[in-house]
Amino acid sequence: DVSNRPKHCSDNLQILWLLCNACWDDTPKEHWPISSAVRYLSKISSNEHRAEQYHSKADAHAANNEWEAAVKAIQIALNIRQKLYEQAPDRFSVVLAYSYDNLGFYYGKLSKWDEAVQSMREAVTIREKLLETAPGNVIPLASSYHNLGVYYNSMHKWDEATKTMEAAVKIKEQLLRDDPSVAPDLAELYHDLGAFLYNSQKSDEAIEAAGAAMEIWKMLLGDD
């Protein structure tokens, strides 16, 4: 009975409980022994730990501006998390999106725009899907939209850059209603949106976006 699932245990213990119950059959010999569930869970935990180690290694390389090395490390973490995601999408979607986002960022630092866009689009796809069950992921989604817009802009794909930046602006505008601390981020997004619109030769819309950014900064800093 899933209603009896333990509520105050660690994630790993809850997964173990679900594994044991999911493998129960009316015929006793079809029952999956708990030892098999333990081995399966141990393997997942071990791989997750390896992915975290490679993520930390990538972060260390990035801190030293060693972007090629960071890419190699994050790709290993990403490959591990992709396999984990295929086994348990609900549990590993957040960290998989995070890995794709970081990989896109590292590619951006190397000016490898095609790879940066591809990775960031993967992050966006996962985070958009996550909104259906975890609305709190809207903030990382806005960040991915922003980065994706920047990379499109670097490729001179103005329309794509504008579209993704507008999506980021929309999210931040909604968040601003309940969280004033979002205002500086929104001002930055409006500024970038104005630049992208200007590149698209949409001068009137560019001026409007730049004006929105200025109004926010005036509100935050005062007229002086």
N, C-alpha and C. Protein backbone atom coordinates (compact mmCIF):
# COMPACT_ATOMS: atom_id res chain seq x y z
N ASP A 1 0.85 -1.19 0.00
CA ASP A 1 0.00 0.00 0.00
C ASP A 1 0.88 1.24 0.00
N VAL A 2 0.86 2.02 -1.10
CA VAL A 2 1.73 3.18 -1.21
C VAL A 2 1.41 4.22 -0.16
N SER A 3 0.17 4.24 0.36
CA SER A 3 -0.20 5.22 1.38
C SER A 3 0.59 5.01 2.66
N ASN A 4 1.18 3.82 2.82
CA ASN A 4 1.97 3.55 4.02
C ASN A 4 3.44 3.88 3.84
N ARG A 5 3.75 4.51 2.73
CA ARG A 5 5.16 4.87 2.46
C ARG A 5 5.71 5.73 3.58
N PRO A 6 6.92 5.44 4.09
CA PRO A 6 7.49 6.22 5.19
C PRO A 6 7.71 7.67 4.77
N LYS A 7 7.30 8.60 5.63
CA LYS A 7 7.33 10.01 5.28
C LYS A 7 8.57 10.74 5.80
N HIS A 8 9.20 10.23 6.83
CA HIS A 8 10.26 11.00 7.48
C HIS A 8 11.61 10.30 7.42
N CYS A 9 11.78 9.47 6.39
CA CYS A 9 13.06 8.78 6.19
C CYS A 9 13.84 9.49 5.10
N SER A 10 15.10 9.09 4.96
CA SER A 10 15.91 9.65 3.89
C SER A 10 15.38 9.21 2.54
N ASP A 11 15.81 9.93 1.48
CA ASP A 11 15.40 9.56 0.12
C ASP A 11 15.76 8.12 -0.18
N ASN A 12 16.97 7.72 0.22
CA ASN A 12 17.42 6.37 -0.09
C ASN A 12 16.55 5.31 0.58
N LEU A 13 16.16 5.53 1.83
CA LEU A 13 15.32 4.56 2.51
C LEU A 13 13.94 4.49 1.88
N GLN A 14 13.42 5.64 1.45
CA GLN A 14 12.11 5.63 0.80
C GLN A 14 12.19 4.89 -0.53
N ILE A 15 13.28 5.08 -1.28
CA ILE A 15 13.44 4.37 -2.54
C ILE A 15 13.53 2.87 -2.29
N LEU A 16 14.27 2.49 -1.25
CA LEU A 16 14.37 1.06 -0.90
C LEU A 16 13.00 0.50 -0.59
N TRP A 17 12.21 1.23 0.18
CA TRP A 17 10.86 0.78 0.52
C TRP A 17 10.01 0.59 -0.73
N LEU A 18 10.09 1.56 -1.65
CA LEU A 18 9.31 1.46 -2.88
C LEU A 18 9.76 0.29 -3.74
N LEU A 19 11.07 0.09 -3.81
CA LEU A 19 11.59 -1.02 -4.60
C LEU A 19 11.07 -2.35 -4.09
N CYS A 20 11.12 -2.51 -2.79
CA CYS A 20 10.68 -3.78 -2.20
C CYS A 20 9.20 -4.00 -2.45
N ASN A 21 8.40 -2.95 -2.30
CA ASN A 21 6.96 -3.09 -2.50
C ASN A 21 6.60 -3.26 -3.96
N ALA A 22 7.32 -2.55 -4.84
CA ALA A 22 7.01 -2.65 -6.27
C ALA A 22 7.30 -4.04 -6.81
N CYS A 23 8.22 -4.73 -6.18
CA CYS A 23 8.61 -6.04 -6.68
C CYS A 23 7.83 -7.19 -6.03
N TRP A 24 6.84 -6.85 -5.20
CA TRP A 24 6.04 -7.90 -4.57
C TRP A 24 5.01 -8.45 -5.53
N ASP A 25 4.85 -9.76 -5.51
CA ASP A 25 3.83 -10.41 -6.34
C ASP A 25 3.04 -11.36 -5.45
N ASP A 26 1.83 -11.66 -5.87
CA ASP A 26 0.99 -12.56 -5.07
C ASP A 26 1.65 -13.93 -4.87
N THR A 27 2.46 -14.32 -5.83
CA THR A 27 3.14 -15.62 -5.73
C THR A 27 4.46 -15.41 -5.00
N PRO A 28 4.69 -16.03 -3.85
CA PRO A 28 5.89 -15.79 -3.05
C PRO A 28 7.19 -15.92 -3.82
N LYS A 29 7.28 -16.88 -4.72
CA LYS A 29 8.55 -17.08 -5.42
C LYS A 29 8.84 -15.96 -6.42
N GLU A 30 7.82 -15.13 -6.71
CA GLU A 30 8.03 -13.99 -7.60
C GLU A 30 8.48 -12.76 -6.83
N HIS A 31 8.58 -12.89 -5.53
CA HIS A 31 8.98 -11.75 -4.70
C HIS A 31 10.47 -11.47 -4.87
N TRP A 32 10.78 -10.21 -5.16
CA TRP A 32 12.18 -9.83 -5.34
C TRP A 32 12.82 -9.72 -3.95
N PRO A 33 13.85 -10.48 -3.65
CA PRO A 33 14.46 -10.44 -2.32
C PRO A 33 14.95 -9.04 -1.98
N ILE A 34 14.88 -8.70 -0.72
CA ILE A 34 15.32 -7.38 -0.30
C ILE A 34 16.80 -7.17 -0.60
N SER A 35 17.58 -8.25 -0.63
CA SER A 35 19.01 -8.12 -0.93
C SER A 35 19.22 -7.55 -2.33
N SER A 36 18.34 -7.93 -3.27
CA SER A 36 18.45 -7.39 -4.64
C SER A 36 18.14 -5.90 -4.65
N ALA A 37 17.14 -5.50 -3.88
CA ALA A 37 16.80 -4.09 -3.80
C ALA A 37 17.94 -3.29 -3.18
N VAL A 38 18.57 -3.86 -2.16
CA VAL A 38 19.70 -3.18 -1.51
C VAL A 38 20.85 -3.00 -2.49
N ARG A 39 21.16 -4.04 -3.26
CA ARG A 39 22.26 -3.94 -4.24
C ARG A 39 21.96 -2.89 -5.29
N TYR A 40 20.71 -2.86 -5.75
CA TYR A 40 20.31 -1.88 -6.77
C TYR A 40 20.44 -0.47 -6.22
N LEU A 41 19.95 -0.26 -5.01
CA LEU A 41 20.02 1.05 -4.39
C LEU A 41 21.47 1.46 -4.15
N SER A 42 22.31 0.53 -3.75
CA SER A 42 23.71 0.81 -3.50
C SER A 42 24.41 1.27 -4.78
N LYS A 43 24.06 0.61 -5.89
CA LYS A 43 24.65 0.98 -7.17
C LYS A 43 24.25 2.39 -7.56
N ILE A 44 22.97 2.73 -7.39
CA ILE A 44 22.50 4.08 -7.71
C ILE A 44 23.24 5.11 -6.85
N SER A 45 23.34 4.86 -5.56
CA SER A 45 23.99 5.80 -4.65
C SER A 45 25.46 5.98 -5.01
N SER A 46 26.12 4.88 -5.38
CA SER A 46 27.53 4.94 -5.76
C SER A 46 27.72 5.78 -7.01
N ASN A 47 26.87 5.57 -8.01
CA ASN A 47 26.99 6.35 -9.25
C ASN A 47 26.67 7.82 -9.03
N GLU A 48 25.70 8.08 -8.18
CA GLU A 48 25.36 9.46 -7.87
C GLU A 48 26.54 10.17 -7.21
N HIS A 49 27.20 9.45 -6.32
CA HIS A 49 28.37 10.02 -5.64
C HIS A 49 29.49 10.31 -6.64
N ARG A 50 29.71 9.40 -7.58
CA ARG A 50 30.73 9.62 -8.62
C ARG A 50 30.41 10.86 -9.45
N ALA A 51 29.15 11.01 -9.79
CA ALA A 51 28.74 12.19 -10.56
C ALA A 51 29.02 13.47 -9.79
N GLU A 52 28.72 13.46 -8.50
CA GLU A 52 28.97 14.64 -7.67
C GLU A 52 30.46 14.95 -7.59
N GLN A 53 31.28 13.91 -7.54
CA GLN A 53 32.73 14.13 -7.49
C GLN A 53 33.23 14.79 -8.78
N TYR A 54 32.75 14.32 -9.93
CA TYR A 54 33.17 14.92 -11.18
C TYR A 54 32.62 16.34 -11.34
N HIS A 55 31.44 16.57 -10.78
CA HIS A 55 30.89 17.92 -10.80
C HIS A 55 31.79 18.86 -10.00
N SER A 56 32.22 18.41 -8.83
CA SER A 56 33.11 19.21 -8.00
C SER A 56 34.43 19.47 -8.70
N LYS A 57 34.91 18.45 -9.40
CA LYS A 57 36.16 18.60 -10.16
C LYS A 57 35.99 19.65 -11.26
N ALA A 58 34.84 19.62 -11.94
CA ALA A 58 34.56 20.61 -12.98
C ALA A 58 34.50 22.01 -12.39
N ASP A 59 33.85 22.14 -11.23
CA ASP A 59 33.77 23.44 -10.56
C ASP A 59 35.16 23.98 -10.22
N ALA A 60 36.05 23.09 -9.76
CA ALA A 60 37.41 23.50 -9.41
C ALA A 60 38.16 24.00 -10.65
N HIS A 61 38.02 23.28 -11.77
CA HIS A 61 38.65 23.72 -13.01
C HIS A 61 38.08 25.06 -13.46
N ALA A 62 36.77 25.22 -13.34
CA ALA A 62 36.13 26.47 -13.76
C ALA A 62 36.62 27.64 -12.92
N ALA A 63 36.83 27.40 -11.63
CA ALA A 63 37.31 28.46 -10.74
C ALA A 63 38.69 28.96 -11.16
N ASN A 64 39.44 28.11 -11.85
CA ASN A 64 40.77 28.47 -12.35
C ASN A 64 40.76 28.82 -13.84
N ASN A 65 39.55 29.01 -14.38
CA ASN A 65 39.39 29.34 -15.81
C ASN A 65 39.94 28.25 -16.73
N GLU A 66 39.93 27.03 -16.25
CA GLU A 66 40.39 25.89 -17.06
C GLU A 66 39.16 25.26 -17.71
N TRP A 67 38.67 25.90 -18.75
CA TRP A 67 37.36 25.56 -19.30
C TRP A 67 37.35 24.22 -20.04
N GLU A 68 38.41 23.91 -20.75
CA GLU A 68 38.47 22.62 -21.45
C GLU A 68 38.42 21.47 -20.45
N ALA A 69 39.18 21.60 -19.38
CA ALA A 69 39.19 20.55 -18.35
C ALA A 69 37.84 20.47 -17.65
N ALA A 70 37.21 21.64 -17.45
CA ALA A 70 35.89 21.67 -16.83
C ALA A 70 34.86 20.94 -17.70
N VAL A 71 34.95 21.14 -19.01
CA VAL A 71 34.04 20.47 -19.94
C VAL A 71 34.20 18.96 -19.85
N LYS A 72 35.43 18.48 -19.84
CA LYS A 72 35.67 17.04 -19.79
C LYS A 72 35.11 16.44 -18.50
N ALA A 73 35.31 17.13 -17.39
CA ALA A 73 34.84 16.60 -16.11
C ALA A 73 33.31 16.59 -16.05
N ILE A 74 32.70 17.68 -16.51
CA ILE A 74 31.24 17.76 -16.43
C ILE A 74 30.58 16.77 -17.39
N GLN A 75 31.26 16.48 -18.49
CA GLN A 75 30.69 15.49 -19.43
C GLN A 75 30.63 14.11 -18.80
N ILE A 76 31.62 13.76 -17.98
CA ILE A 76 31.59 12.47 -17.29
C ILE A 76 30.43 12.45 -16.30
N ALA A 77 30.30 13.53 -15.53
CA ALA A 77 29.18 13.63 -14.58
C ALA A 77 27.85 13.55 -15.32
N LEU A 78 27.78 14.22 -16.45
CA LEU A 78 26.55 14.25 -17.23
C LEU A 78 26.17 12.86 -17.75
N ASN A 79 27.16 12.12 -18.22
CA ASN A 79 26.90 10.77 -18.72
C ASN A 79 26.36 9.86 -17.62
N ILE A 80 26.92 10.01 -16.42
CA ILE A 80 26.46 9.21 -15.29
C ILE A 80 25.02 9.59 -14.93
N ARG A 81 24.77 10.89 -14.87
CA ARG A 81 23.44 11.36 -14.48
C ARG A 81 22.39 11.05 -15.54
N GLN A 82 22.80 11.01 -16.80
CA GLN A 82 21.85 10.66 -17.85
C GLN A 82 21.35 9.24 -17.65
N LYS A 83 22.26 8.33 -17.30
CA LYS A 83 21.86 6.94 -17.05
C LYS A 83 20.99 6.83 -15.81
N LEU A 84 21.32 7.60 -14.78
CA LEU A 84 20.50 7.60 -13.57
C LEU A 84 19.11 8.16 -13.87
N TYR A 85 19.07 9.19 -14.69
CA TYR A 85 17.80 9.81 -15.07
C TYR A 85 16.90 8.82 -15.80
N GLU A 86 17.51 8.00 -16.65
CA GLU A 86 16.73 7.01 -17.40
C GLU A 86 16.12 5.96 -16.47
N GLN A 87 16.78 5.72 -15.33
CA GLN A 87 16.27 4.75 -14.37
C GLN A 87 15.23 5.38 -13.43
N ALA A 88 15.46 6.65 -13.06
CA ALA A 88 14.58 7.32 -12.10
C ALA A 88 14.45 8.80 -12.46
N PRO A 89 13.66 9.13 -13.49
CA PRO A 89 13.56 10.50 -13.98
C PRO A 89 13.10 11.51 -12.92
N ASP A 90 12.16 11.12 -12.08
CA ASP A 90 11.66 12.05 -11.07
C ASP A 90 12.74 12.47 -10.09
N ARG A 91 13.63 11.56 -9.80
CA ARG A 91 14.66 11.86 -8.80
C ARG A 91 15.84 12.63 -9.39
N PHE A 92 16.19 12.36 -10.63
CA PHE A 92 17.44 12.90 -11.16
C PHE A 92 17.26 13.99 -12.22
N SER A 93 16.05 14.42 -12.48
CA SER A 93 15.83 15.45 -13.50
C SER A 93 16.46 16.78 -13.10
N VAL A 94 16.37 17.14 -11.84
CA VAL A 94 16.91 18.43 -11.39
C VAL A 94 18.43 18.48 -11.57
N VAL A 95 19.13 17.44 -11.12
CA VAL A 95 20.59 17.45 -11.22
C VAL A 95 21.06 17.28 -12.66
N LEU A 96 20.28 16.57 -13.47
CA LEU A 96 20.65 16.42 -14.88
C LEU A 96 20.56 17.77 -15.58
N ALA A 97 19.50 18.51 -15.32
CA ALA A 97 19.36 19.85 -15.90
C ALA A 97 20.51 20.76 -15.46
N TYR A 98 20.89 20.63 -14.19
CA TYR A 98 22.01 21.42 -13.66
C TYR A 98 23.31 21.10 -14.39
N SER A 99 23.53 19.83 -14.69
CA SER A 99 24.74 19.42 -15.41
C SER A 99 24.74 19.99 -16.83
N TYR A 100 23.60 19.90 -17.51
CA TYR A 100 23.51 20.45 -18.86
C TYR A 100 23.73 21.97 -18.84
N ASP A 101 23.17 22.62 -17.84
CA ASP A 101 23.33 24.07 -17.73
C ASP A 101 24.80 24.45 -17.55
N ASN A 102 25.48 23.74 -16.66
CA ASN A 102 26.90 24.02 -16.43
C ASN A 102 27.73 23.74 -17.67
N LEU A 103 27.42 22.63 -18.37
CA LEU A 103 28.17 22.32 -19.59
C LEU A 103 27.98 23.42 -20.62
N GLY A 104 26.76 23.91 -20.77
CA GLY A 104 26.51 25.01 -21.69
C GLY A 104 27.29 26.24 -21.32
N PHE A 105 27.35 26.53 -20.03
CA PHE A 105 28.10 27.70 -19.55
C PHE A 105 29.58 27.57 -19.88
N TYR A 106 30.14 26.38 -19.66
CA TYR A 106 31.56 26.17 -19.94
C TYR A 106 31.85 26.30 -21.44
N TYR A 107 30.96 25.74 -22.26
CA TYR A 107 31.13 25.89 -23.71
C TYR A 107 31.06 27.37 -24.10
N GLY A 108 30.20 28.11 -23.44
CA GLY A 108 30.10 29.53 -23.72
C GLY A 108 31.41 30.25 -23.42
N LYS A 109 32.06 29.86 -22.35
CA LYS A 109 33.36 30.46 -22.00
C LYS A 109 34.42 30.15 -23.05
N LEU A 110 34.23 29.06 -23.77
CA LEU A 110 35.16 28.67 -24.84
C LEU A 110 34.71 29.21 -26.20
N SER A 111 33.62 29.99 -26.19
CA SER A 111 33.04 30.54 -27.43
C SER A 111 32.62 29.44 -28.41
N LYS A 112 32.26 28.30 -27.88
CA LYS A 112 31.74 27.20 -28.71
C LYS A 112 30.21 27.30 -28.66
N TRP A 113 29.69 28.21 -29.48
CA TRP A 113 28.29 28.60 -29.35
C TRP A 113 27.31 27.47 -29.71
N ASP A 114 27.62 26.70 -30.73
CA ASP A 114 26.72 25.61 -31.11
C ASP A 114 26.56 24.62 -29.96
N GLU A 115 27.68 24.25 -29.35
CA GLU A 115 27.64 23.31 -28.24
C GLU A 115 26.96 23.93 -27.02
N ALA A 116 27.23 25.22 -26.80
CA ALA A 116 26.61 25.91 -25.67
C ALA A 116 25.09 25.94 -25.82
N VAL A 117 24.63 26.26 -27.03
CA VAL A 117 23.19 26.31 -27.28
C VAL A 117 22.56 24.93 -27.11
N GLN A 118 23.20 23.91 -27.65
CA GLN A 118 22.65 22.56 -27.56
C GLN A 118 22.50 22.12 -26.11
N SER A 119 23.54 22.37 -25.31
CA SER A 119 23.49 21.97 -23.90
C SER A 119 22.44 22.76 -23.13
N MET A 120 22.39 24.07 -23.39
CA MET A 120 21.44 24.90 -22.66
C MET A 120 20.00 24.57 -23.06
N ARG A 121 19.79 24.20 -24.30
CA ARG A 121 18.44 23.80 -24.73
C ARG A 121 18.01 22.52 -24.02
N GLU A 122 18.96 21.61 -23.79
CA GLU A 122 18.64 20.40 -23.04
C GLU A 122 18.20 20.77 -21.61
N ALA A 123 18.94 21.71 -21.01
CA ALA A 123 18.58 22.15 -19.66
C ALA A 123 17.19 22.78 -19.65
N VAL A 124 16.91 23.61 -20.65
CA VAL A 124 15.61 24.27 -20.74
C VAL A 124 14.49 23.24 -20.89
N THR A 125 14.69 22.25 -21.75
CA THR A 125 13.66 21.23 -21.98
C THR A 125 13.31 20.49 -20.70
N ILE A 126 14.34 20.10 -19.95
CA ILE A 126 14.10 19.38 -18.69
C ILE A 126 13.41 20.28 -17.68
N ARG A 127 13.88 21.53 -17.58
CA ARG A 127 13.32 22.44 -16.57
C ARG A 127 11.89 22.87 -16.92
N GLU A 128 11.58 22.97 -18.20
CA GLU A 128 10.20 23.26 -18.58
C GLU A 128 9.28 22.12 -18.15
N LYS A 129 9.74 20.91 -18.35
CA LYS A 129 8.94 19.75 -17.96
C LYS A 129 8.80 19.67 -16.44
N LEU A 130 9.84 20.08 -15.73
CA LEU A 130 9.82 20.03 -14.27
C LEU A 130 8.75 20.94 -13.67
N LEU A 131 8.41 22.01 -14.38
CA LEU A 131 7.43 22.96 -13.86
C LEU A 131 6.08 22.30 -13.59
N GLU A 132 5.81 21.22 -14.29
CA GLU A 132 4.53 20.53 -14.12
C GLU A 132 4.39 19.94 -12.71
N THR A 133 5.51 19.55 -12.13
CA THR A 133 5.46 18.91 -10.81
C THR A 133 6.22 19.68 -9.74
N ALA A 134 7.13 20.57 -10.17
CA ALA A 134 7.97 21.30 -9.21
C ALA A 134 8.08 22.76 -9.64
N PRO A 135 7.08 23.58 -9.32
CA PRO A 135 7.07 24.99 -9.76
C PRO A 135 8.28 25.79 -9.26
N GLY A 136 8.92 25.31 -8.20
CA GLY A 136 10.08 26.03 -7.67
C GLY A 136 11.24 26.09 -8.63
N ASN A 137 11.21 25.26 -9.67
CA ASN A 137 12.31 25.26 -10.64
C ASN A 137 12.18 26.38 -11.66
N VAL A 138 11.25 27.29 -11.45
CA VAL A 138 11.06 28.39 -12.39
C VAL A 138 12.26 29.34 -12.39
N ILE A 139 12.93 29.50 -11.26
CA ILE A 139 14.08 30.41 -11.20
C ILE A 139 15.25 29.87 -12.01
N PRO A 140 15.65 28.58 -11.84
CA PRO A 140 16.69 28.04 -12.72
C PRO A 140 16.30 28.07 -14.19
N LEU A 141 15.01 27.91 -14.48
CA LEU A 141 14.55 27.97 -15.87
C LEU A 141 14.80 29.36 -16.45
N ALA A 142 14.50 30.39 -15.69
CA ALA A 142 14.75 31.76 -16.15
C ALA A 142 16.23 31.97 -16.43
N SER A 143 17.09 31.41 -15.59
CA SER A 143 18.54 31.52 -15.79
C SER A 143 18.96 30.83 -17.08
N SER A 144 18.40 29.66 -17.33
CA SER A 144 18.73 28.93 -18.56
C SER A 144 18.26 29.71 -19.79
N TYR A 145 17.06 30.28 -19.72
CA TYR A 145 16.57 31.11 -20.82
C TYR A 145 17.53 32.27 -21.09
N HIS A 146 17.96 32.91 -20.02
CA HIS A 146 18.87 34.06 -20.15
C HIS A 146 20.16 33.65 -20.84
N ASN A 147 20.78 32.58 -20.34
CA ASN A 147 22.04 32.12 -20.93
C ASN A 147 21.85 31.70 -22.39
N LEU A 148 20.75 31.02 -22.66
CA LEU A 148 20.47 30.59 -24.03
C LEU A 148 20.33 31.81 -24.94
N GLY A 149 19.66 32.84 -24.46
CA GLY A 149 19.53 34.06 -25.25
C GLY A 149 20.87 34.70 -25.55
N VAL A 150 21.75 34.71 -24.56
CA VAL A 150 23.09 35.28 -24.75
C VAL A 150 23.87 34.51 -25.83
N TYR A 151 23.74 33.18 -25.80
CA TYR A 151 24.47 32.37 -26.78
C TYR A 151 23.90 32.54 -28.18
N TYR A 152 22.58 32.62 -28.29
CA TYR A 152 21.97 32.89 -29.59
C TYR A 152 22.45 34.25 -30.12
N ASN A 153 22.53 35.21 -29.24
CA ASN A 153 22.99 36.54 -29.63
C ASN A 153 24.41 36.49 -30.16
N SER A 154 25.25 35.69 -29.51
CA SER A 154 26.64 35.56 -29.94
C SER A 154 26.75 34.91 -31.32
N MET A 155 25.71 34.15 -31.69
CA MET A 155 25.67 33.50 -33.01
C MET A 155 24.94 34.38 -34.04
N HIS A 156 24.55 35.59 -33.59
CA HIS A 156 23.80 36.52 -34.46
C HIS A 156 22.43 35.98 -34.85
N LYS A 157 21.88 35.14 -33.99
CA LYS A 157 20.52 34.64 -34.21
C LYS A 157 19.59 35.51 -33.35
N TRP A 158 19.30 36.70 -33.87
CA TRP A 158 18.63 37.72 -33.08
C TRP A 158 17.22 37.30 -32.67
N ASP A 159 16.47 36.72 -33.57
CA ASP A 159 15.09 36.36 -33.25
C ASP A 159 15.03 35.32 -32.13
N GLU A 160 15.90 34.30 -32.21
CA GLU A 160 15.93 33.28 -31.16
C GLU A 160 16.38 33.89 -29.83
N ALA A 161 17.37 34.79 -29.92
CA ALA A 161 17.87 35.45 -28.71
C ALA A 161 16.76 36.26 -28.05
N THR A 162 16.01 37.00 -28.86
CA THR A 162 14.92 37.81 -28.33
C THR A 162 13.84 36.95 -27.71
N LYS A 163 13.47 35.89 -28.37
CA LYS A 163 12.39 35.02 -27.89
C LYS A 163 12.73 34.42 -26.53
N THR A 164 13.93 33.89 -26.39
CA THR A 164 14.30 33.26 -25.12
C THR A 164 14.47 34.30 -24.01
N MET A 165 14.98 35.49 -24.37
CA MET A 165 15.12 36.53 -23.36
C MET A 165 13.76 37.02 -22.89
N GLU A 166 12.81 37.11 -23.79
CA GLU A 166 11.46 37.51 -23.41
C GLU A 166 10.84 36.48 -22.45
N ALA A 167 11.15 35.21 -22.66
CA ALA A 167 10.65 34.17 -21.76
C ALA A 167 11.24 34.35 -20.35
N ALA A 168 12.53 34.70 -20.28
CA ALA A 168 13.17 34.94 -18.99
C ALA A 168 12.55 36.16 -18.31
N VAL A 169 12.31 37.22 -19.09
CA VAL A 169 11.71 38.44 -18.55
C VAL A 169 10.32 38.14 -17.97
N LYS A 170 9.54 37.37 -18.68
CA LYS A 170 8.19 37.05 -18.23
C LYS A 170 8.20 36.35 -16.87
N ILE A 171 9.13 35.41 -16.70
CA ILE A 171 9.24 34.70 -15.43
C ILE A 171 9.61 35.66 -14.31
N LYS A 172 10.60 36.49 -14.55
CA LYS A 172 11.06 37.41 -13.50
C LYS A 172 10.01 38.46 -13.17
N GLU A 173 9.24 38.89 -14.15
CA GLU A 173 8.15 39.84 -13.88
C GLU A 173 7.12 39.21 -12.94
N GLN A 174 6.82 37.96 -13.15
CA GLN A 174 5.86 37.26 -12.29
C GLN A 174 6.42 37.10 -10.88
N LEU A 175 7.71 36.79 -10.78
CA LEU A 175 8.33 36.61 -9.47
C LEU A 175 8.43 37.92 -8.71
N LEU A 176 8.59 39.03 -9.43
CA LEU A 176 8.76 40.34 -8.81
C LEU A 176 7.55 40.73 -7.97
N ARG A 177 6.39 40.23 -8.32
CA ARG A 177 5.16 40.58 -7.59
C ARG A 177 5.24 40.18 -6.12
N ASP A 178 5.94 39.08 -5.86
CA ASP A 178 6.04 38.58 -4.48
C ASP A 178 7.44 38.70 -3.90
N ASP A 179 8.41 39.04 -4.74
CA ASP A 179 9.80 39.07 -4.27
C ASP A 179 10.55 40.26 -4.87
N PRO A 180 10.62 41.39 -4.16
CA PRO A 180 11.29 42.58 -4.67
C PRO A 180 12.78 42.39 -4.97
N SER A 181 13.39 41.36 -4.36
CA SER A 181 14.82 41.13 -4.57
C SER A 181 15.13 40.72 -6.01
N VAL A 182 14.08 40.36 -6.76
CA VAL A 182 14.26 39.95 -8.15
C VAL A 182 14.53 41.15 -9.06
N ALA A 183 14.26 42.36 -8.58
CA ALA A 183 14.33 43.57 -9.41
C ALA A 183 15.67 43.75 -10.15
N PRO A 184 16.82 43.61 -9.50
CA PRO A 184 18.08 43.79 -10.24
C PRO A 184 18.24 42.80 -11.39
N ASP A 185 17.84 41.55 -11.17
CA ASP A 185 17.91 40.55 -12.24
C ASP A 185 17.00 40.95 -13.41
N LEU A 186 15.81 41.43 -13.08
CA LEU A 186 14.87 41.84 -14.12
C LEU A 186 15.42 43.01 -14.91
N ALA A 187 16.07 43.95 -14.23
CA ALA A 187 16.67 45.09 -14.93
C ALA A 187 17.75 44.62 -15.91
N GLU A 188 18.55 43.66 -15.48
CA GLU A 188 19.59 43.12 -16.36
C GLU A 188 18.98 42.44 -17.58
N LEU A 189 17.89 41.70 -17.35
CA LEU A 189 17.23 41.02 -18.46
C LEU A 189 16.66 42.03 -19.46
N TYR A 190 16.04 43.08 -18.95
CA TYR A 190 15.50 44.10 -19.83
C TYR A 190 16.63 44.77 -20.63
N HIS A 191 17.74 45.00 -19.98
CA HIS A 191 18.90 45.61 -20.66
C HIS A 191 19.36 44.73 -21.82
N ASP A 192 19.53 43.44 -21.53
CA ASP A 192 19.98 42.51 -22.58
C ASP A 192 18.92 42.38 -23.68
N LEU A 193 17.65 42.35 -23.28
CA LEU A 193 16.58 42.26 -24.27
C LEU A 193 16.62 43.47 -25.19
N GLY A 194 16.86 44.64 -24.63
CA GLY A 194 16.97 45.85 -25.45
C GLY A 194 18.10 45.74 -26.46
N ALA A 195 19.22 45.19 -26.03
CA ALA A 195 20.37 45.03 -26.94
C ALA A 195 20.03 44.06 -28.06
N PHE A 196 19.35 42.98 -27.74
CA PHE A 196 19.00 42.00 -28.76
C PHE A 196 18.00 42.58 -29.76
N LEU A 197 17.03 43.34 -29.25
CA LEU A 197 16.06 43.98 -30.13
C LEU A 197 16.72 45.01 -31.04
N TYR A 198 17.71 45.71 -30.49
CA TYR A 198 18.45 46.68 -31.30
C TYR A 198 19.21 45.96 -32.42
N ASN A 199 19.80 44.82 -32.08
CA ASN A 199 20.51 44.04 -33.09
C ASN A 199 19.55 43.53 -34.17
N SER A 200 18.29 43.35 -33.78
CA SER A 200 17.27 42.90 -34.73
C SER A 200 16.67 44.06 -35.52
N GLN A 201 17.23 45.27 -35.29
CA GLN A 201 16.75 46.49 -35.95
C GLN A 201 15.31 46.81 -35.56
N LYS A 202 14.96 46.45 -34.34
CA LYS A 202 13.64 46.80 -33.80
C LYS A 202 13.87 47.92 -32.78
N SER A 203 14.12 49.11 -33.30
CA SER A 203 14.57 50.22 -32.47
C SER A 203 13.54 50.64 -31.43
N ASP A 204 12.29 50.74 -31.81
CA ASP A 204 11.25 51.19 -30.87
C ASP A 204 11.13 50.22 -29.70
N GLU A 205 11.12 48.92 -29.99
CA GLU A 205 11.01 47.92 -28.93
C GLU A 205 12.27 47.90 -28.07
N ALA A 206 13.42 48.16 -28.70
CA ALA A 206 14.67 48.20 -27.96
C ALA A 206 14.66 49.36 -26.97
N ILE A 207 14.17 50.50 -27.40
CA ILE A 207 14.09 51.68 -26.53
C ILE A 207 13.15 51.40 -25.36
N GLU A 208 12.04 50.75 -25.66
CA GLU A 208 11.08 50.42 -24.61
C GLU A 208 11.69 49.50 -23.56
N ALA A 209 12.43 48.48 -24.00
CA ALA A 209 13.06 47.55 -23.06
C ALA A 209 14.14 48.26 -22.24
N ALA A 210 14.94 49.09 -22.90
CA ALA A 210 15.98 49.84 -22.18
C ALA A 210 15.35 50.78 -21.16
N GLY A 211 14.22 51.37 -21.54
CA GLY A 211 13.53 52.26 -20.62
C GLY A 211 13.01 51.52 -19.40
N ALA A 212 12.52 50.29 -19.60
CA ALA A 212 12.04 49.49 -18.47
C ALA A 212 13.19 49.18 -17.51
N ALA A 213 14.36 48.87 -18.09
CA ALA A 213 15.54 48.61 -17.25
C ALA A 213 15.90 49.86 -16.45
N MET A 214 15.86 51.02 -17.10
CA MET A 214 16.22 52.27 -16.42
C MET A 214 15.25 52.59 -15.29
N GLU A 215 13.97 52.34 -15.51
CA GLU A 215 12.97 52.62 -14.48
C GLU A 215 13.21 51.76 -13.24
N ILE A 216 13.59 50.53 -13.46
CA ILE A 216 13.86 49.64 -12.32
C ILE A 216 15.07 50.14 -11.54
N TRP A 217 16.12 50.53 -12.26
CA TRP A 217 17.32 51.02 -11.58
C TRP A 217 17.04 52.33 -10.85
N LYS A 218 16.19 53.18 -11.41
CA LYS A 218 15.82 54.42 -10.70
C LYS A 218 15.08 54.09 -9.41
N MET A 219 14.21 53.08 -9.48
CA MET A 219 13.46 52.67 -8.30
C MET A 219 14.41 52.14 -7.22
N LEU A 220 15.44 51.44 -7.66
CA LEU A 220 16.37 50.83 -6.70
C LEU A 220 17.39 51.81 -6.16
N LEU A 221 17.86 52.72 -7.03
CA LEU A 221 18.98 53.60 -6.66
C LEU A 221 18.58 55.04 -6.45
N GLY A 222 17.38 55.41 -6.88
CA GLY A 222 16.97 56.82 -6.80
C GLY A 222 17.30 57.55 -8.07
N ASP A 223 16.73 58.71 -8.23
CA ASP A 223 16.92 59.48 -9.47
C ASP A 223 18.35 59.96 -9.66
N ASP A 224 19.09 60.10 -8.56
CA ASP A 224 20.46 60.59 -8.67
C ASP A 224 21.41 59.52 -9.19
